[in-house]
Amino acid sequence: MIDVKMQNGELALDTAGRFIDLGDRDARFRRALIAVTAKKGAFVYNRALGADYDALTGAADVRRKTEQIFNEALADYDDTAVTVTQTGEHTLVSIRVNGEARSEEVVRF
């Protein structure tokens, strides 16, 4: 899996003006982060992409419910899971892909 690097919200370019490719591992982590950041149904070309943030309304245990909806968003991704470490305006998570874990911040737009 190859993807293009993003930097400051835009496609990253090298000194020659070419796109900078991400390797397989980095691409998988980025796709997982996009899946948990996007609101389910908001992406026109793939309405199944994203997390069902509406399910958080009235949740008794917000951290546990957030982790559940994030893992549901990642259900189609092989060997990928998320653990929520902090909730709030900026949710902190640990994303695990093929046994490697990275800490990320999920910011809802």
N, C-alpha and C. Protein backbone atom coordinates (compact mmCIF):
# COMPACT_ATOMS: atom_id res chain seq x y z
N MET A 1 0.85 -1.17 0.00
CA MET A 1 0.00 0.00 0.00
C MET A 1 0.90 1.24 0.00
N ILE A 2 0.70 2.12 -0.96
CA ILE A 2 1.46 3.36 -1.05
C ILE A 2 0.46 4.52 -1.02
N ASP A 3 0.83 5.57 -0.35
CA ASP A 3 -0.01 6.75 -0.26
C ASP A 3 0.90 7.98 -0.26
N VAL A 4 0.30 9.15 -0.38
CA VAL A 4 1.07 10.39 -0.44
C VAL A 4 1.05 11.07 0.92
N LYS A 5 2.20 11.59 1.32
CA LYS A 5 2.35 12.24 2.62
C LYS A 5 1.59 13.56 2.66
N MET A 6 0.96 13.82 3.81
CA MET A 6 0.28 15.10 4.05
C MET A 6 1.11 15.88 5.06
N GLN A 7 1.18 17.19 4.87
CA GLN A 7 1.91 18.05 5.79
C GLN A 7 1.14 19.36 5.90
N ASN A 8 0.77 19.72 7.12
CA ASN A 8 0.00 20.94 7.36
C ASN A 8 -1.29 20.99 6.54
N GLY A 9 -1.93 19.82 6.39
CA GLY A 9 -3.20 19.74 5.69
C GLY A 9 -3.11 19.74 4.18
N GLU A 10 -1.91 19.69 3.62
CA GLU A 10 -1.73 19.69 2.17
C GLU A 10 -0.79 18.56 1.77
N LEU A 11 -0.80 18.22 0.48
CA LEU A 11 0.09 17.19 -0.01
C LEU A 11 1.53 17.69 0.08
N ALA A 12 2.41 16.86 0.62
CA ALA A 12 3.81 17.23 0.79
C ALA A 12 4.58 17.01 -0.51
N LEU A 13 5.46 17.96 -0.81
CA LEU A 13 6.28 17.89 -2.02
C LEU A 13 7.75 17.87 -1.65
N ASP A 14 8.56 17.20 -2.49
CA ASP A 14 10.01 17.24 -2.27
C ASP A 14 10.57 18.49 -2.96
N THR A 15 11.88 18.66 -2.96
CA THR A 15 12.50 19.86 -3.52
C THR A 15 12.31 19.99 -5.03
N ALA A 16 12.01 18.87 -5.69
CA ALA A 16 11.76 18.90 -7.13
C ALA A 16 10.28 19.09 -7.46
N GLY A 17 9.44 19.24 -6.42
CA GLY A 17 8.00 19.44 -6.65
C GLY A 17 7.21 18.17 -6.83
N ARG A 18 7.82 17.02 -6.55
CA ARG A 18 7.11 15.74 -6.65
C ARG A 18 6.48 15.38 -5.31
N PHE A 19 5.39 14.63 -5.37
CA PHE A 19 4.74 14.17 -4.15
C PHE A 19 5.66 13.23 -3.39
N ILE A 20 5.61 13.30 -2.05
CA ILE A 20 6.39 12.40 -1.20
C ILE A 20 5.51 11.22 -0.83
N ASP A 21 5.98 10.02 -1.18
CA ASP A 21 5.21 8.81 -0.90
C ASP A 21 5.39 8.37 0.55
N LEU A 22 4.31 7.80 1.11
CA LEU A 22 4.38 7.14 2.41
C LEU A 22 4.57 5.65 2.15
N GLY A 23 5.27 4.99 3.03
CA GLY A 23 5.40 3.55 2.93
C GLY A 23 4.14 2.86 3.42
N ASP A 24 4.10 1.57 3.28
CA ASP A 24 2.94 0.76 3.66
C ASP A 24 2.52 0.99 5.11
N ARG A 25 3.45 0.94 6.04
CA ARG A 25 3.14 1.06 7.47
C ARG A 25 2.53 2.43 7.79
N ASP A 26 3.18 3.50 7.34
CA ASP A 26 2.67 4.85 7.61
C ASP A 26 1.30 5.07 6.97
N ALA A 27 1.10 4.53 5.79
CA ALA A 27 -0.18 4.68 5.10
C ALA A 27 -1.30 3.99 5.88
N ARG A 28 -1.03 2.83 6.43
CA ARG A 28 -2.06 2.11 7.21
C ARG A 28 -2.43 2.88 8.48
N PHE A 29 -1.45 3.46 9.14
CA PHE A 29 -1.75 4.26 10.33
C PHE A 29 -2.56 5.50 9.96
N ARG A 30 -2.20 6.15 8.87
CA ARG A 30 -2.93 7.34 8.47
C ARG A 30 -4.37 7.02 8.08
N ARG A 31 -4.57 5.93 7.37
CA ARG A 31 -5.94 5.54 6.98
C ARG A 31 -6.78 5.21 8.21
N ALA A 32 -6.17 4.58 9.20
CA ALA A 32 -6.90 4.29 10.44
C ALA A 32 -7.27 5.58 11.15
N LEU A 33 -6.34 6.54 11.21
CA LEU A 33 -6.62 7.81 11.86
C LEU A 33 -7.73 8.56 11.13
N ILE A 34 -7.73 8.53 9.81
CA ILE A 34 -8.80 9.17 9.04
C ILE A 34 -10.13 8.51 9.34
N ALA A 35 -10.14 7.19 9.44
CA ALA A 35 -11.39 6.46 9.70
C ALA A 35 -12.01 6.82 11.04
N VAL A 36 -11.19 7.06 12.07
CA VAL A 36 -11.76 7.39 13.38
C VAL A 36 -12.02 8.89 13.53
N THR A 37 -11.40 9.70 12.68
CA THR A 37 -11.60 11.14 12.74
C THR A 37 -12.87 11.57 12.00
N ALA A 38 -13.13 10.96 10.87
CA ALA A 38 -14.27 11.35 10.04
C ALA A 38 -15.58 10.91 10.69
N LYS A 39 -16.60 11.75 10.53
CA LYS A 39 -17.93 11.38 10.99
C LYS A 39 -18.55 10.46 9.95
N LYS A 40 -19.09 9.34 10.41
CA LYS A 40 -19.67 8.35 9.50
C LYS A 40 -20.76 9.00 8.64
N GLY A 41 -20.65 8.77 7.33
CA GLY A 41 -21.63 9.29 6.39
C GLY A 41 -21.27 10.65 5.81
N ALA A 42 -20.23 11.30 6.31
CA ALA A 42 -19.88 12.65 5.87
C ALA A 42 -19.08 12.66 4.56
N PHE A 43 -18.37 11.57 4.27
CA PHE A 43 -17.55 11.51 3.06
C PHE A 43 -18.42 11.03 1.91
N VAL A 44 -18.64 11.89 0.93
CA VAL A 44 -19.59 11.64 -0.15
C VAL A 44 -19.28 10.37 -0.93
N TYR A 45 -18.01 10.08 -1.15
CA TYR A 45 -17.65 8.95 -2.00
C TYR A 45 -17.65 7.61 -1.27
N ASN A 46 -17.76 7.64 0.05
CA ASN A 46 -17.81 6.40 0.83
C ASN A 46 -18.57 6.69 2.12
N ARG A 47 -19.87 6.57 2.09
CA ARG A 47 -20.71 6.90 3.25
C ARG A 47 -20.48 5.97 4.43
N ALA A 48 -19.85 4.82 4.22
CA ALA A 48 -19.57 3.88 5.33
C ALA A 48 -18.31 4.26 6.09
N LEU A 49 -17.49 5.15 5.53
CA LEU A 49 -16.25 5.56 6.18
C LEU A 49 -16.54 6.44 7.39
N GLY A 50 -15.85 6.18 8.49
CA GLY A 50 -15.93 7.06 9.64
C GLY A 50 -16.54 6.42 10.87
N ALA A 51 -16.56 7.23 11.93
CA ALA A 51 -17.08 6.80 13.23
C ALA A 51 -18.46 7.40 13.46
N ASP A 52 -19.32 6.65 14.11
CA ASP A 52 -20.70 7.09 14.38
C ASP A 52 -20.72 7.96 15.64
N TYR A 53 -20.29 9.20 15.49
CA TYR A 53 -20.21 10.11 16.63
C TYR A 53 -21.57 10.38 17.27
N ASP A 54 -22.66 10.22 16.51
CA ASP A 54 -24.00 10.43 17.07
C ASP A 54 -24.30 9.43 18.19
N ALA A 55 -23.64 8.27 18.16
CA ALA A 55 -23.86 7.25 19.18
C ALA A 55 -23.31 7.67 20.54
N LEU A 56 -22.50 8.73 20.59
CA LEU A 56 -21.94 9.20 21.87
C LEU A 56 -22.96 9.99 22.69
N THR A 57 -24.01 10.47 22.05
CA THR A 57 -25.02 11.26 22.75
C THR A 57 -25.64 10.45 23.88
N GLY A 58 -25.51 10.96 25.09
CA GLY A 58 -26.09 10.32 26.26
C GLY A 58 -25.33 9.11 26.78
N ALA A 59 -24.14 8.86 26.25
CA ALA A 59 -23.36 7.70 26.70
C ALA A 59 -22.94 7.86 28.16
N ALA A 60 -23.14 6.83 28.95
CA ALA A 60 -22.77 6.87 30.37
C ALA A 60 -21.25 6.83 30.55
N ASP A 61 -20.58 6.00 29.78
CA ASP A 61 -19.12 5.88 29.84
C ASP A 61 -18.57 6.32 28.49
N VAL A 62 -18.24 7.60 28.36
CA VAL A 62 -17.84 8.18 27.08
C VAL A 62 -16.57 7.54 26.54
N ARG A 63 -15.59 7.26 27.39
CA ARG A 63 -14.35 6.67 26.91
C ARG A 63 -14.61 5.29 26.30
N ARG A 64 -15.38 4.48 27.00
CA ARG A 64 -15.67 3.13 26.51
C ARG A 64 -16.50 3.16 25.22
N LYS A 65 -17.49 4.06 25.16
CA LYS A 65 -18.33 4.16 23.96
C LYS A 65 -17.52 4.69 22.78
N THR A 66 -16.62 5.65 23.04
CA THR A 66 -15.76 6.18 21.98
C THR A 66 -14.88 5.08 21.42
N GLU A 67 -14.30 4.29 22.30
CA GLU A 67 -13.46 3.17 21.86
C GLU A 67 -14.27 2.19 21.02
N GLN A 68 -15.50 1.94 21.42
CA GLN A 68 -16.36 1.02 20.67
C GLN A 68 -16.64 1.55 19.27
N ILE A 69 -17.04 2.82 19.14
CA ILE A 69 -17.38 3.34 17.81
C ILE A 69 -16.12 3.47 16.93
N PHE A 70 -14.97 3.74 17.54
CA PHE A 70 -13.73 3.80 16.77
C PHE A 70 -13.36 2.42 16.24
N ASN A 71 -13.48 1.39 17.06
CA ASN A 71 -13.16 0.04 16.61
C ASN A 71 -14.16 -0.46 15.57
N GLU A 72 -15.41 -0.01 15.66
CA GLU A 72 -16.38 -0.34 14.62
C GLU A 72 -15.97 0.31 13.30
N ALA A 73 -15.45 1.54 13.36
CA ALA A 73 -14.99 2.24 12.16
C ALA A 73 -13.79 1.53 11.52
N LEU A 74 -13.05 0.79 12.31
CA LEU A 74 -11.86 0.08 11.83
C LEU A 74 -12.11 -1.39 11.55
N ALA A 75 -13.36 -1.83 11.63
CA ALA A 75 -13.69 -3.25 11.50
C ALA A 75 -13.20 -3.86 10.18
N ASP A 76 -13.19 -3.10 9.10
CA ASP A 76 -12.78 -3.63 7.80
C ASP A 76 -11.28 -3.58 7.57
N TYR A 77 -10.54 -3.03 8.53
CA TYR A 77 -9.09 -2.90 8.40
C TYR A 77 -8.43 -4.10 9.07
N ASP A 78 -7.62 -4.84 8.32
CA ASP A 78 -6.95 -6.03 8.85
C ASP A 78 -5.99 -5.68 9.99
N ASP A 79 -6.08 -6.45 11.08
CA ASP A 79 -5.16 -6.34 12.21
C ASP A 79 -4.96 -4.91 12.69
N THR A 80 -6.08 -4.18 12.82
CA THR A 80 -6.04 -2.78 13.24
C THR A 80 -7.06 -2.57 14.34
N ALA A 81 -6.64 -1.91 15.43
CA ALA A 81 -7.54 -1.64 16.56
C ALA A 81 -7.10 -0.35 17.23
N VAL A 82 -7.97 0.17 18.06
CA VAL A 82 -7.67 1.42 18.76
C VAL A 82 -8.04 1.27 20.23
N THR A 83 -7.24 1.92 21.08
CA THR A 83 -7.54 2.03 22.50
C THR A 83 -7.61 3.52 22.82
N VAL A 84 -8.69 3.95 23.44
CA VAL A 84 -8.85 5.36 23.81
C VAL A 84 -8.20 5.57 25.16
N THR A 85 -7.28 6.53 25.24
CA THR A 85 -6.58 6.81 26.49
C THR A 85 -7.10 8.06 27.18
N GLN A 86 -7.75 8.95 26.41
CA GLN A 86 -8.31 10.18 26.99
C GLN A 86 -9.41 10.69 26.07
N THR A 87 -10.51 11.16 26.66
CA THR A 87 -11.59 11.73 25.87
C THR A 87 -11.72 13.22 26.17
N GLY A 88 -12.46 13.89 25.33
CA GLY A 88 -12.67 15.33 25.47
C GLY A 88 -12.71 15.94 24.09
N GLU A 89 -12.46 17.25 24.03
CA GLU A 89 -12.45 17.93 22.73
C GLU A 89 -11.42 17.29 21.80
N HIS A 90 -10.28 16.94 22.36
CA HIS A 90 -9.24 16.23 21.63
C HIS A 90 -9.07 14.87 22.30
N THR A 91 -9.42 13.85 21.59
CA THR A 91 -9.35 12.50 22.12
C THR A 91 -7.98 11.90 21.81
N LEU A 92 -7.35 11.32 22.82
CA LEU A 92 -6.06 10.66 22.63
C LEU A 92 -6.28 9.16 22.51
N VAL A 93 -5.63 8.57 21.52
CA VAL A 93 -5.79 7.14 21.26
C VAL A 93 -4.45 6.48 21.01
N SER A 94 -4.45 5.19 21.13
CA SER A 94 -3.33 4.37 20.71
C SER A 94 -3.86 3.49 19.58
N ILE A 95 -3.32 3.67 18.38
CA ILE A 95 -3.73 2.88 17.23
C ILE A 95 -2.70 1.77 17.05
N ARG A 96 -3.21 0.55 16.91
CA ARG A 96 -2.34 -0.62 16.75
C ARG A 96 -2.60 -1.24 15.37
N VAL A 97 -1.53 -1.32 14.58
CA VAL A 97 -1.60 -1.91 13.24
C VAL A 97 -0.52 -2.97 13.15
N ASN A 98 -0.91 -4.21 12.88
CA ASN A 98 0.04 -5.32 12.75
C ASN A 98 1.00 -5.39 13.93
N GLY A 99 0.50 -5.17 15.13
CA GLY A 99 1.30 -5.30 16.34
C GLY A 99 2.08 -4.07 16.74
N GLU A 100 2.16 -3.06 15.88
CA GLU A 100 2.85 -1.81 16.20
C GLU A 100 1.83 -0.78 16.64
N ALA A 101 2.13 -0.06 17.73
CA ALA A 101 1.19 0.93 18.25
C ALA A 101 1.79 2.33 18.15
N ARG A 102 0.91 3.30 17.85
CA ARG A 102 1.30 4.70 17.81
C ARG A 102 0.22 5.52 18.53
N SER A 103 0.68 6.51 19.29
CA SER A 103 -0.24 7.42 19.96
C SER A 103 -0.61 8.54 18.99
N GLU A 104 -1.89 8.87 18.94
CA GLU A 104 -2.37 9.93 18.06
C GLU A 104 -3.43 10.74 18.78
N GLU A 105 -3.67 11.92 18.29
CA GLU A 105 -4.74 12.79 18.78
C GLU A 105 -5.82 12.83 17.71
N VAL A 106 -7.06 12.58 18.10
CA VAL A 106 -8.19 12.61 17.19
C VAL A 106 -8.92 13.93 17.41
N VAL A 107 -8.95 14.75 16.38
CA VAL A 107 -9.63 16.04 16.44
C VAL A 107 -10.82 15.98 15.50
N ARG A 108 -12.01 16.13 16.04
CA ARG A 108 -13.22 16.11 15.19
C ARG A 108 -13.37 17.44 14.49
N PHE A 109 -13.62 17.36 13.18
CA PHE A 109 -13.83 18.58 12.40
C PHE A 109 -15.30 18.72 12.06
